[in-house]
Amino acid sequence: MSKFIYVYHGGSKPESEAEQQRVMAAWGAWMEGLGAKLVDGGAPVGLSKTVSASGTADDGGANPISGYSMVDAASHAEAAKMAEGCPIIEDGGSVEVAEVLSM
């Protein structure tokens, strides 16, 4: 098994208490469905700063992240397949899937 990080991009913030409960239930059900393969449920993140040779920008970059999680999977293909049910996709976002390499 290898570890893979899910980096979430986009999505939307719930605008009401009912919408927040719906979104949290969807995330909970998806994560529960991942079972023991979910290594770290992660968390949403705030606006990022982008640091480069040109300096620091406060705009979050070209494709700002909105959160992350980490899973165990036998292959990159399996990790990507597991990400297909992520609730952020239904909310207009995307999931970037990358293997965490051993050093």
PDB file of N, CA and C in Angstrom:
ATOM      1  N   MET A   1       0.839  -1.185   0.000  1.00  0.00           N
ATOM      2  CA  MET A   1       0.000   0.000   0.000  1.00  0.00           C
ATOM      3  C   MET A   1       0.883   1.246   0.000  1.00  0.00           C
ATOM      4  N   SER A   2       0.438   2.236  -0.725  1.00  0.00           N
ATOM      5  CA  SER A   2       1.095   3.541  -0.745  1.00  0.00           C
ATOM      6  C   SER A   2       0.124   4.573  -0.192  1.00  0.00           C
ATOM      7  N   LYS A   3       0.664   5.683   0.255  1.00  0.00           N
ATOM      8  CA  LYS A   3      -0.165   6.790   0.719  1.00  0.00           C
ATOM      9  C   LYS A   3      -0.355   7.780  -0.428  1.00  0.00           C
ATOM     10  N   PHE A   4      -1.550   8.318  -0.502  1.00  0.00           N
ATOM     11  CA  PHE A   4      -1.890   9.320  -1.507  1.00  0.00           C
ATOM     12  C   PHE A   4      -2.552  10.491  -0.812  1.00  0.00           C
ATOM     13  N   ILE A   5      -2.206  11.685  -1.252  1.00  0.00           N
ATOM     14  CA  ILE A   5      -2.832  12.878  -0.700  1.00  0.00           C
ATOM     15  C   ILE A   5      -3.890  13.365  -1.688  1.00  0.00           C
ATOM     16  N   TYR A   6      -5.028  13.732  -1.144  1.00  0.00           N
ATOM     17  CA  TYR A   6      -6.084  14.367  -1.922  1.00  0.00           C
ATOM     18  C   TYR A   6      -5.998  15.853  -1.620  1.00  0.00           C
ATOM     19  N   VAL A   7      -5.820  16.652  -2.639  1.00  0.00           N
ATOM     20  CA  VAL A   7      -5.809  18.104  -2.481  1.00  0.00           C
ATOM     21  C   VAL A   7      -7.081  18.618  -3.155  1.00  0.00           C
ATOM     22  N   TYR A   8      -7.926  19.237  -2.370  1.00  0.00           N
ATOM     23  CA  TYR A   8      -9.213  19.718  -2.868  1.00  0.00           C
ATOM     24  C   TYR A   8      -9.082  21.140  -3.382  1.00  0.00           C
ATOM     25  N   HIS A   9      -9.715  21.371  -4.534  1.00  0.00           N
ATOM     26  CA  HIS A   9      -9.742  22.705  -5.146  1.00  0.00           C
ATOM     27  C   HIS A   9     -11.200  23.098  -5.362  1.00  0.00           C
ATOM     28  N   GLY A  10     -11.507  24.347  -5.058  1.00  0.00           N
ATOM     29  CA  GLY A  10     -12.839  24.878  -5.358  1.00  0.00           C
ATOM     30  C   GLY A  10     -13.899  24.375  -4.407  1.00  0.00           C
ATOM     31  N   GLY A  11     -15.083  24.192  -4.950  1.00  0.00           N
ATOM     32  CA  GLY A  11     -16.242  23.853  -4.135  1.00  0.00           C
ATOM     33  C   GLY A  11     -16.918  25.130  -3.686  1.00  0.00           C
ATOM     34  N   SER A  12     -17.910  24.995  -2.861  1.00  0.00           N
ATOM     35  CA  SER A  12     -18.626  26.178  -2.383  1.00  0.00           C
ATOM     36  C   SER A  12     -18.830  26.082  -0.882  1.00  0.00           C
ATOM     37  N   LYS A  13     -18.987  27.237  -0.240  1.00  0.00           N
ATOM     38  CA  LYS A  13     -19.265  27.273   1.193  1.00  0.00           C
ATOM     39  C   LYS A  13     -20.768  27.215   1.395  1.00  0.00           C
ATOM     40  N   PRO A  14     -21.224  26.394   2.331  1.00  0.00           N
ATOM     41  CA  PRO A  14     -22.662  26.356   2.622  1.00  0.00           C
ATOM     42  C   PRO A  14     -23.150  27.719   3.106  1.00  0.00           C
ATOM     43  N   GLU A  15     -24.320  28.119   2.626  1.00  0.00           N
ATOM     44  CA  GLU A  15     -24.850  29.440   2.966  1.00  0.00           C
ATOM     45  C   GLU A  15     -25.896  29.406   4.067  1.00  0.00           C
ATOM     46  N   SER A  16     -26.325  28.209   4.466  1.00  0.00           N
ATOM     47  CA  SER A  16     -27.321  28.111   5.533  1.00  0.00           C
ATOM     48  C   SER A  16     -26.946  26.947   6.446  1.00  0.00           C
ATOM     49  N   GLU A  17     -27.569  26.920   7.603  1.00  0.00           N
ATOM     50  CA  GLU A  17     -27.341  25.831   8.556  1.00  0.00           C
ATOM     51  C   GLU A  17     -27.743  24.485   7.938  1.00  0.00           C
ATOM     52  N   ALA A  18     -28.872  24.471   7.247  1.00  0.00           N
ATOM     53  CA  ALA A  18     -29.341  23.234   6.615  1.00  0.00           C
ATOM     54  C   ALA A  18     -28.362  22.761   5.548  1.00  0.00           C
ATOM     55  N   GLU A  19     -27.845  23.693   4.763  1.00  0.00           N
ATOM     56  CA  GLU A  19     -26.874  23.342   3.722  1.00  0.00           C
ATOM     57  C   GLU A  19     -25.579  22.844   4.352  1.00  0.00           C
ATOM     58  N   GLN A  20     -25.154  23.455   5.436  1.00  0.00           N
ATOM     59  CA  GLN A  20     -23.944  23.015   6.126  1.00  0.00           C
ATOM     60  C   GLN A  20     -24.125  21.585   6.645  1.00  0.00           C
ATOM     61  N   GLN A  21     -25.278  21.278   7.205  1.00  0.00           N
ATOM     62  CA  GLN A  21     -25.552  19.928   7.693  1.00  0.00           C
ATOM     63  C   GLN A  21     -25.560  18.917   6.544  1.00  0.00           C
ATOM     64  N   ARG A  22     -26.134  19.303   5.399  1.00  0.00           N
ATOM     65  CA  ARG A  22     -26.156  18.415   4.243  1.00  0.00           C
ATOM     66  C   ARG A  22     -24.744  18.116   3.766  1.00  0.00           C
ATOM     67  N   VAL A  23     -23.916  19.168   3.675  1.00  0.00           N
ATOM     68  CA  VAL A  23     -22.543  19.011   3.197  1.00  0.00           C
ATOM     69  C   VAL A  23     -21.738  18.146   4.168  1.00  0.00           C
ATOM     70  N   MET A  24     -21.864  18.413   5.462  1.00  0.00           N
ATOM     71  CA  MET A  24     -21.127  17.629   6.459  1.00  0.00           C
ATOM     72  C   MET A  24     -21.557  16.165   6.441  1.00  0.00           C
ATOM     73  N   ALA A  25     -22.839  15.909   6.247  1.00  0.00           N
ATOM     74  CA  ALA A  25     -23.325  14.530   6.164  1.00  0.00           C
ATOM     75  C   ALA A  25     -22.755  13.828   4.931  1.00  0.00           C
ATOM     76  N   ALA A  26     -22.688  14.539   3.816  1.00  0.00           N
ATOM     77  CA  ALA A  26     -22.136  13.958   2.586  1.00  0.00           C
ATOM     78  C   ALA A  26     -20.662  13.619   2.762  1.00  0.00           C
ATOM     79  N   TRP A  27     -19.898  14.540   3.360  1.00  0.00           N
ATOM     80  CA  TRP A  27     -18.473  14.290   3.613  1.00  0.00           C
ATOM     81  C   TRP A  27     -18.302  13.124   4.583  1.00  0.00           C
ATOM     82  N   GLY A  28     -19.104  13.089   5.643  1.00  0.00           N
ATOM     83  CA  GLY A  28     -19.018  12.009   6.619  1.00  0.00           C
ATOM     84  C   GLY A  28     -19.300  10.654   6.004  1.00  0.00           C
ATOM     85  N   ALA A  29     -20.339  10.589   5.164  1.00  0.00           N
ATOM     86  CA  ALA A  29     -20.694   9.325   4.506  1.00  0.00           C
ATOM     87  C   ALA A  29     -19.592   8.879   3.549  1.00  0.00           C
ATOM     88  N   TRP A  30     -19.035   9.818   2.787  1.00  0.00           N
ATOM     89  CA  TRP A  30     -17.959   9.475   1.850  1.00  0.00           C
ATOM     90  C   TRP A  30     -16.740   8.970   2.607  1.00  0.00           C
ATOM     91  N   MET A  31     -16.351   9.684   3.653  1.00  0.00           N
ATOM     92  CA  MET A  31     -15.172   9.267   4.424  1.00  0.00           C
ATOM     93  C   MET A  31     -15.403   7.925   5.114  1.00  0.00           C
ATOM     94  N   GLU A  32     -16.607   7.712   5.621  1.00  0.00           N
ATOM     95  CA  GLU A  32     -16.936   6.420   6.230  1.00  0.00           C
ATOM     96  C   GLU A  32     -16.818   5.298   5.199  1.00  0.00           C
ATOM     97  N   GLY A  33     -17.220   5.584   3.975  1.00  0.00           N
ATOM     98  CA  GLY A  33     -17.133   4.604   2.899  1.00  0.00           C
ATOM     99  C   GLY A  33     -15.692   4.244   2.541  1.00  0.00           C
ATOM    100  N   LEU A  34     -14.749   5.149   2.810  1.00  0.00           N
ATOM    101  CA  LEU A  34     -13.339   4.854   2.550  1.00  0.00           C
ATOM    102  C   LEU A  34     -12.788   3.875   3.580  1.00  0.00           C
ATOM    103  N   GLY A  35     -13.441   3.787   4.731  1.00  0.00           N
ATOM    104  CA  GLY A  35     -13.060   2.833   5.769  1.00  0.00           C
ATOM    105  C   GLY A  35     -11.628   3.015   6.238  1.00  0.00           C
ATOM    106  N   ALA A  36     -10.943   1.880   6.421  1.00  0.00           N
ATOM    107  CA  ALA A  36      -9.574   1.882   6.949  1.00  0.00           C
ATOM    108  C   ALA A  36      -8.577   2.498   5.981  1.00  0.00           C
ATOM    109  N   LYS A  37      -8.974   2.711   4.729  1.00  0.00           N
ATOM    110  CA  LYS A  37      -8.068   3.324   3.751  1.00  0.00           C
ATOM    111  C   LYS A  37      -7.900   4.823   3.993  1.00  0.00           C
ATOM    112  N   LEU A  38      -8.782   5.418   4.789  1.00  0.00           N
ATOM    113  CA  LEU A  38      -8.655   6.829   5.137  1.00  0.00           C
ATOM    114  C   LEU A  38      -7.612   6.951   6.249  1.00  0.00           C
ATOM    115  N   VAL A  39      -6.452   7.492   5.916  1.00  0.00           N
ATOM    116  CA  VAL A  39      -5.349   7.647   6.863  1.00  0.00           C
ATOM    117  C   VAL A  39      -5.528   8.909   7.695  1.00  0.00           C
ATOM    118  N   ASP A  40      -5.917  10.001   7.037  1.00  0.00           N
ATOM    119  CA  ASP A  40      -6.081  11.307   7.685  1.00  0.00           C
ATOM    120  C   ASP A  40      -7.226  12.011   6.972  1.00  0.00           C
ATOM    121  N   GLY A  41      -8.312  12.277   7.703  1.00  0.00           N
ATOM    122  CA  GLY A  41      -9.454  12.958   7.099  1.00  0.00           C
ATOM    123  C   GLY A  41      -9.147  14.377   6.667  1.00  0.00           C
ATOM    124  N   GLY A  42      -8.034  14.929   7.169  1.00  0.00           N
ATOM    125  CA  GLY A  42      -7.618  16.265   6.767  1.00  0.00           C
ATOM    126  C   GLY A  42      -8.528  17.336   7.318  1.00  0.00           C
ATOM    127  N   ALA A  43      -8.606  18.436   6.571  1.00  0.00           N
ATOM    128  CA  ALA A  43      -9.386  19.584   7.009  1.00  0.00           C
ATOM    129  C   ALA A  43      -9.521  20.576   5.866  1.00  0.00           C
ATOM    130  N   PRO A  44     -10.520  21.446   5.943  1.00  0.00           N
ATOM    131  CA  PRO A  44     -10.558  22.562   4.999  1.00  0.00           C
ATOM    132  C   PRO A  44      -9.443  23.536   5.359  1.00  0.00           C
ATOM    133  N   VAL A  45      -9.059  24.368   4.426  1.00  0.00           N
ATOM    134  CA  VAL A  45      -8.013  25.364   4.672  1.00  0.00           C
ATOM    135  C   VAL A  45      -8.498  26.744   4.251  1.00  0.00           C
ATOM    136  N   GLY A  46      -7.863  27.756   4.806  1.00  0.00           N
ATOM    137  CA  GLY A  46      -8.165  29.136   4.453  1.00  0.00           C
ATOM    138  C   GLY A  46      -7.353  29.576   3.241  1.00  0.00           C
ATOM    139  N   LEU A  47      -7.493  30.827   2.887  1.00  0.00           N
ATOM    140  CA  LEU A  47      -6.777  31.389   1.750  1.00  0.00           C
ATOM    141  C   LEU A  47      -5.275  31.272   1.966  1.00  0.00           C
ATOM    142  N   SER A  48      -4.579  30.839   0.941  1.00  0.00           N
ATOM    143  CA  SER A  48      -3.134  30.649   1.050  1.00  0.00           C
ATOM    144  C   SER A  48      -2.362  31.837   0.497  1.00  0.00           C
ATOM    145  N   LYS A  49      -1.108  31.883   0.870  1.00  0.00           N
ATOM    146  CA  LYS A  49      -0.154  32.829   0.299  1.00  0.00           C
ATOM    147  C   LYS A  49       0.733  32.026  -0.640  1.00  0.00           C
ATOM    148  N   THR A  50       1.139  32.603  -1.741  1.00  0.00           N
ATOM    149  CA  THR A  50       2.035  31.949  -2.677  1.00  0.00           C
ATOM    150  C   THR A  50       3.388  32.629  -2.593  1.00  0.00           C
ATOM    151  N   VAL A  51       4.413  31.853  -2.232  1.00  0.00           N
ATOM    152  CA  VAL A  51       5.765  32.375  -2.071  1.00  0.00           C
ATOM    153  C   VAL A  51       6.609  31.884  -3.237  1.00  0.00           C
ATOM    154  N   SER A  52       7.235  32.813  -3.942  1.00  0.00           N
ATOM    155  CA  SER A  52       8.097  32.475  -5.077  1.00  0.00           C
ATOM    156  C   SER A  52       9.295  33.416  -5.090  1.00  0.00           C
ATOM    157  N   ALA A  53      10.156  33.257  -6.081  1.00  0.00           N
ATOM    158  CA  ALA A  53      11.316  34.137  -6.208  1.00  0.00           C
ATOM    159  C   ALA A  53      10.888  35.590  -6.408  1.00  0.00           C
ATOM    160  N   SER A  54       9.661  35.796  -6.894  1.00  0.00           N
ATOM    161  CA  SER A  54       9.141  37.151  -7.121  1.00  0.00           C
ATOM    162  C   SER A  54       8.606  37.797  -5.853  1.00  0.00           C
ATOM    163  N   GLY A  55       8.477  37.016  -4.780  1.00  0.00           N
ATOM    164  CA  GLY A  55       7.938  37.547  -3.537  1.00  0.00           C
ATOM    165  C   GLY A  55       6.754  36.734  -3.064  1.00  0.00           C
ATOM    166  N   THR A  56       5.937  37.347  -2.239  1.00  0.00           N
ATOM    167  CA  THR A  56       4.776  36.671  -1.658  1.00  0.00           C
ATOM    168  C   THR A  56       3.497  37.336  -2.154  1.00  0.00           C
ATOM    169  N   ALA A  57       2.586  36.507  -2.659  1.00  0.00           N
ATOM    170  CA  ALA A  57       1.291  36.990  -3.131  1.00  0.00           C
ATOM    171  C   ALA A  57       0.209  36.458  -2.195  1.00  0.00           C
ATOM    172  N   ASP A  58      -0.795  37.279  -1.927  1.00  0.00           N
ATOM    173  CA  ASP A  58      -1.879  36.900  -1.023  1.00  0.00           C
ATOM    174  C   ASP A  58      -3.106  36.344  -1.733  1.00  0.00           C
ATOM    175  N   ASP A  59      -2.999  36.030  -3.011  1.00  0.00           N
ATOM    176  CA  ASP A  59      -4.179  35.669  -3.801  1.00  0.00           C
ATOM    177  C   ASP A  59      -4.515  34.187  -3.823  1.00  0.00           C
ATOM    178  N   GLY A  60      -3.738  33.349  -3.170  1.00  0.00           N
ATOM    179  CA  GLY A  60      -4.026  31.922  -3.172  1.00  0.00           C
ATOM    180  C   GLY A  60      -3.529  31.196  -4.409  1.00  0.00           C
ATOM    181  N   GLY A  61      -2.887  31.870  -5.306  1.00  0.00           N
ATOM    182  CA  GLY A  61      -2.337  31.218  -6.492  1.00  0.00           C
ATOM    183  C   GLY A  61      -3.361  30.988  -7.590  1.00  0.00           C
ATOM    184  N   ALA A  62      -2.917  30.315  -8.639  1.00  0.00           N
ATOM    185  CA  ALA A  62      -3.760  30.096  -9.812  1.00  0.00           C
ATOM    186  C   ALA A  62      -4.916  29.139  -9.531  1.00  0.00           C
ATOM    187  N   ASN A  63      -4.715  28.183  -8.644  1.00  0.00           N
ATOM    188  CA  ASN A  63      -5.747  27.199  -8.336  1.00  0.00           C
ATOM    189  C   ASN A  63      -5.693  26.905  -6.830  1.00  0.00           C
ATOM    190  N   PRO A  64      -6.205  27.827  -6.008  1.00  0.00           N
ATOM    191  CA  PRO A  64      -6.054  27.692  -4.562  1.00  0.00           C
ATOM    192  C   PRO A  64      -6.678  26.407  -4.014  1.00  0.00           C
ATOM    193  N   ILE A  65      -6.031  25.868  -2.995  1.00  0.00           N
ATOM    194  CA  ILE A  65      -6.565  24.660  -2.377  1.00  0.00           C
ATOM    195  C   ILE A  65      -7.651  25.031  -1.379  1.00  0.00           C
ATOM    196  N   SER A  66      -8.587  24.097  -1.179  1.00  0.00           N
ATOM    197  CA  SER A  66      -9.646  24.325  -0.201  1.00  0.00           C
ATOM    198  C   SER A  66      -9.612  23.288   0.922  1.00  0.00           C
ATOM    199  N   GLY A  67      -8.716  22.282   0.798  1.00  0.00           N
ATOM    200  CA  GLY A  67      -8.582  21.287   1.851  1.00  0.00           C
ATOM    201  C   GLY A  67      -7.748  20.114   1.388  1.00  0.00           C
ATOM    202  N   TYR A  68      -7.632  19.113   2.262  1.00  0.00           N
ATOM    203  CA  TYR A  68      -6.826  17.932   1.943  1.00  0.00           C
ATOM    204  C   TYR A  68      -7.296  16.730   2.761  1.00  0.00           C
ATOM    205  N   SER A  69      -6.925  15.534   2.328  1.00  0.00           N
ATOM    206  CA  SER A  69      -7.072  14.285   3.070  1.00  0.00           C
ATOM    207  C   SER A  69      -5.950  13.370   2.618  1.00  0.00           C
ATOM    208  N   MET A  70      -5.751  12.258   3.322  1.00  0.00           N
ATOM    209  CA  MET A  70      -4.752  11.280   2.913  1.00  0.00           C
ATOM    210  C   MET A  70      -5.353   9.885   3.019  1.00  0.00           C
ATOM    211  N   VAL A  71      -5.063   9.049   2.014  1.00  0.00           N
ATOM    212  CA  VAL A  71      -5.581   7.687   1.974  1.00  0.00           C
ATOM    213  C   VAL A  71      -4.466   6.688   1.667  1.00  0.00           C
ATOM    214  N   ASP A  72      -4.743   5.427   1.967  1.00  0.00           N
ATOM    215  CA  ASP A  72      -3.900   4.313   1.537  1.00  0.00           C
ATOM    216  C   ASP A  72      -4.562   3.698   0.317  1.00  0.00           C
ATOM    217  N   ALA A  73      -3.774   3.346  -0.673  1.00  0.00           N
ATOM    218  CA  ALA A  73      -4.305   2.670  -1.858  1.00  0.00           C
ATOM    219  C   ALA A  73      -3.202   1.823  -2.482  1.00  0.00           C
ATOM    220  N   ALA A  74      -3.596   0.801  -3.217  1.00  0.00           N
ATOM    221  CA  ALA A  74      -2.642  -0.091  -3.861  1.00  0.00           C
ATOM    222  C   ALA A  74      -1.990   0.549  -5.081  1.00  0.00           C
ATOM    223  N   SER A  75      -2.660   1.544  -5.677  1.00  0.00           N
ATOM    224  CA  SER A  75      -2.133   2.184  -6.888  1.00  0.00           C
ATOM    225  C   SER A  75      -2.706   3.585  -7.028  1.00  0.00           C
ATOM    226  N   HIS A  76      -2.085   4.351  -7.900  1.00  0.00           N
ATOM    227  CA  HIS A  76      -2.580   5.697  -8.202  1.00  0.00           C
ATOM    228  C   HIS A  76      -3.992   5.604  -8.785  1.00  0.00           C
ATOM    229  N   ALA A  77      -4.203   4.604  -9.639  1.00  0.00           N
ATOM    230  CA  ALA A  77      -5.523   4.417 -10.254  1.00  0.00           C
ATOM    231  C   ALA A  77      -6.586   4.137  -9.192  1.00  0.00           C
ATOM    232  N   GLU A  78      -6.254   3.299  -8.197  1.00  0.00           N
ATOM    233  CA  GLU A  78      -7.216   3.003  -7.136  1.00  0.00           C
ATOM    234  C   GLU A  78      -7.514   4.262  -6.322  1.00  0.00           C
ATOM    235  N   ALA A  79      -6.471   5.037  -6.002  1.00  0.00           N
ATOM    236  CA  ALA A  79      -6.669   6.266  -5.234  1.00  0.00           C
ATOM    237  C   ALA A  79      -7.560   7.243  -5.992  1.00  0.00           C
ATOM    238  N   ALA A  80      -7.356   7.353  -7.299  1.00  0.00           N
ATOM    239  CA  ALA A  80      -8.187   8.249  -8.114  1.00  0.00           C
ATOM    240  C   ALA A  80      -9.628   7.751  -8.157  1.00  0.00           C
ATOM    241  N   LYS A  81      -9.817   6.449  -8.272  1.00  0.00           N
ATOM    242  CA  LYS A  81     -11.165   5.881  -8.302  1.00  0.00           C
ATOM    243  C   LYS A  81     -11.888   6.164  -6.989  1.00  0.00           C
ATOM    244  N   MET A  82     -11.167   6.037  -5.872  1.00  0.00           N
ATOM    245  CA  MET A  82     -11.758   6.319  -4.565  1.00  0.00           C
ATOM    246  C   MET A  82     -12.175   7.783  -4.458  1.00  0.00           C
ATOM    247  N   ALA A  83     -11.446   8.688  -5.101  1.00  0.00           N
ATOM    248  CA  ALA A  83     -11.742  10.122  -5.034  1.00  0.00           C
ATOM    249  C   ALA A  83     -12.974  10.505  -5.852  1.00  0.00           C
ATOM    250  N   GLU A  84     -13.394   9.638  -6.770  1.00  0.00           N
ATOM    251  CA  GLU A  84     -14.519   9.973  -7.646  1.00  0.00           C
ATOM    252  C   GLU A  84     -15.808  10.269  -6.891  1.00  0.00           C
ATOM    253  N   GLY A  85     -15.975   9.711  -5.703  1.00  0.00           N
ATOM    254  CA  GLY A  85     -17.193   9.947  -4.933  1.00  0.00           C
ATOM    255  C   GLY A  85     -17.108  11.128  -3.987  1.00  0.00           C
ATOM    256  N   CYS A  86     -16.017  11.877  -4.029  1.00  0.00           N
ATOM    257  CA  CYS A  86     -15.829  12.990  -3.107  1.00  0.00           C
ATOM    258  C   CYS A  86     -16.910  14.061  -3.295  1.00  0.00           C
ATOM    259  N   PRO A  87     -17.535  14.501  -2.205  1.00  0.00           N
ATOM    260  CA  PRO A  87     -18.598  15.500  -2.293  1.00  0.00           C
ATOM    261  C   PRO A  87     -18.183  16.826  -2.924  1.00  0.00           C
ATOM    262  N   ILE A  88     -16.905  17.172  -2.893  1.00  0.00           N
ATOM    263  CA  ILE A  88     -16.502  18.456  -3.470  1.00  0.00           C
ATOM    264  C   ILE A  88     -16.754  18.491  -4.974  1.00  0.00           C
ATOM    265  N   ILE A  89     -16.713  17.322  -5.607  1.00  0.00           N
ATOM    266  CA  ILE A  89     -16.951  17.255  -7.053  1.00  0.00           C
ATOM    267  C   ILE A  89     -18.382  17.678  -7.366  1.00  0.00           C
ATOM    268  N   GLU A  90     -19.319  17.208  -6.540  1.00  0.00           N
ATOM    269  CA  GLU A  90     -20.729  17.583  -6.713  1.00  0.00           C
ATOM    270  C   GLU A  90     -20.943  19.082  -6.497  1.00  0.00           C
ATOM    271  N   ASP A  91     -20.083  19.696  -5.693  1.00  0.00           N
ATOM    272  CA  ASP A  91     -20.182  21.133  -5.410  1.00  0.00           C
ATOM    273  C   ASP A  91     -19.343  21.976  -6.364  1.00  0.00           C
ATOM    274  N   GLY A  92     -18.911  21.396  -7.494  1.00  0.00           N
ATOM    275  CA  GLY A  92     -18.197  22.159  -8.513  1.00  0.00           C
ATOM    276  C   GLY A  92     -16.690  22.205  -8.348  1.00  0.00           C
ATOM    277  N   GLY A  93     -16.153  21.480  -7.371  1.00  0.00           N
ATOM    278  CA  GLY A  93     -14.709  21.468  -7.153  1.00  0.00           C
ATOM    279  C   GLY A  93     -14.040  20.272  -7.807  1.00  0.00           C
ATOM    280  N   SER A  94     -12.779  20.071  -7.443  1.00  0.00           N
ATOM    281  CA  SER A  94     -12.021  18.946  -7.990  1.00  0.00           C
ATOM    282  C   SER A  94     -11.090  18.388  -6.922  1.00  0.00           C
ATOM    283  N   VAL A  95     -10.577  17.181  -7.182  1.00  0.00           N
ATOM    284  CA  VAL A  95      -9.647  16.519  -6.276  1.00  0.00           C
ATOM    285  C   VAL A  95      -8.376  16.204  -7.053  1.00  0.00           C
ATOM    286  N   GLU A  96      -7.262  16.719  -6.596  1.00  0.00           N
ATOM    287  CA  GLU A  96      -5.959  16.387  -7.152  1.00  0.00           C
ATOM    288  C   GLU A  96      -5.435  15.213  -6.334  1.00  0.00           C
ATOM    289  N   VAL A  97      -4.975  14.153  -6.998  1.00  0.00           N
ATOM    290  CA  VAL A  97      -4.509  12.947  -6.324  1.00  0.00           C
ATOM    291  C   VAL A  97      -3.029  12.770  -6.613  1.00  0.00           C
ATOM    292  N   ALA A  98      -2.201  12.738  -5.538  1.00  0.00           N
ATOM    293  CA  ALA A  98      -0.762  12.579  -5.711  1.00  0.00           C
ATOM    294  C   ALA A  98      -0.218  11.576  -4.715  1.00  0.00           C
ATOM    295  N   GLU A  99       0.698  10.727  -5.167  1.00  0.00           N
ATOM    296  CA  GLU A  99       1.320   9.770  -4.278  1.00  0.00           C
ATOM    297  C   GLU A  99       2.313  10.479  -3.362  1.00  0.00           C
ATOM    298  N   VAL A 100       2.306  10.082  -2.095  1.00  0.00           N
ATOM    299  CA  VAL A 100       3.283  10.591  -1.134  1.00  0.00           C
ATOM    300  C   VAL A 100       4.488   9.661  -1.249  1.00  0.00           C
ATOM    301  N   LEU A 101       5.603  10.176  -1.707  1.00  0.00           N
ATOM    302  CA  LEU A 101       6.778   9.354  -1.957  1.00  0.00           C
ATOM    303  C   LEU A 101       7.595   9.164  -0.686  1.00  0.00           C
ATOM    304  N   SER A 102       8.108   7.965  -0.500  1.00  0.00           N
ATOM    305  CA  SER A 102       8.963   7.673   0.647  1.00  0.00           C
ATOM    306  C   SER A 102      10.332   8.278   0.412  1.00  0.00           C
ATOM    307  N   MET A 103      10.937   8.755   1.486  1.00  0.00           N
ATOM    308  CA  MET A 103      12.274   9.335   1.367  1.00  0.00           C
ATOM    309  C   MET A 103      13.210   8.622   2.308  1.00  0.00           C
TER     310      MET A 103
END
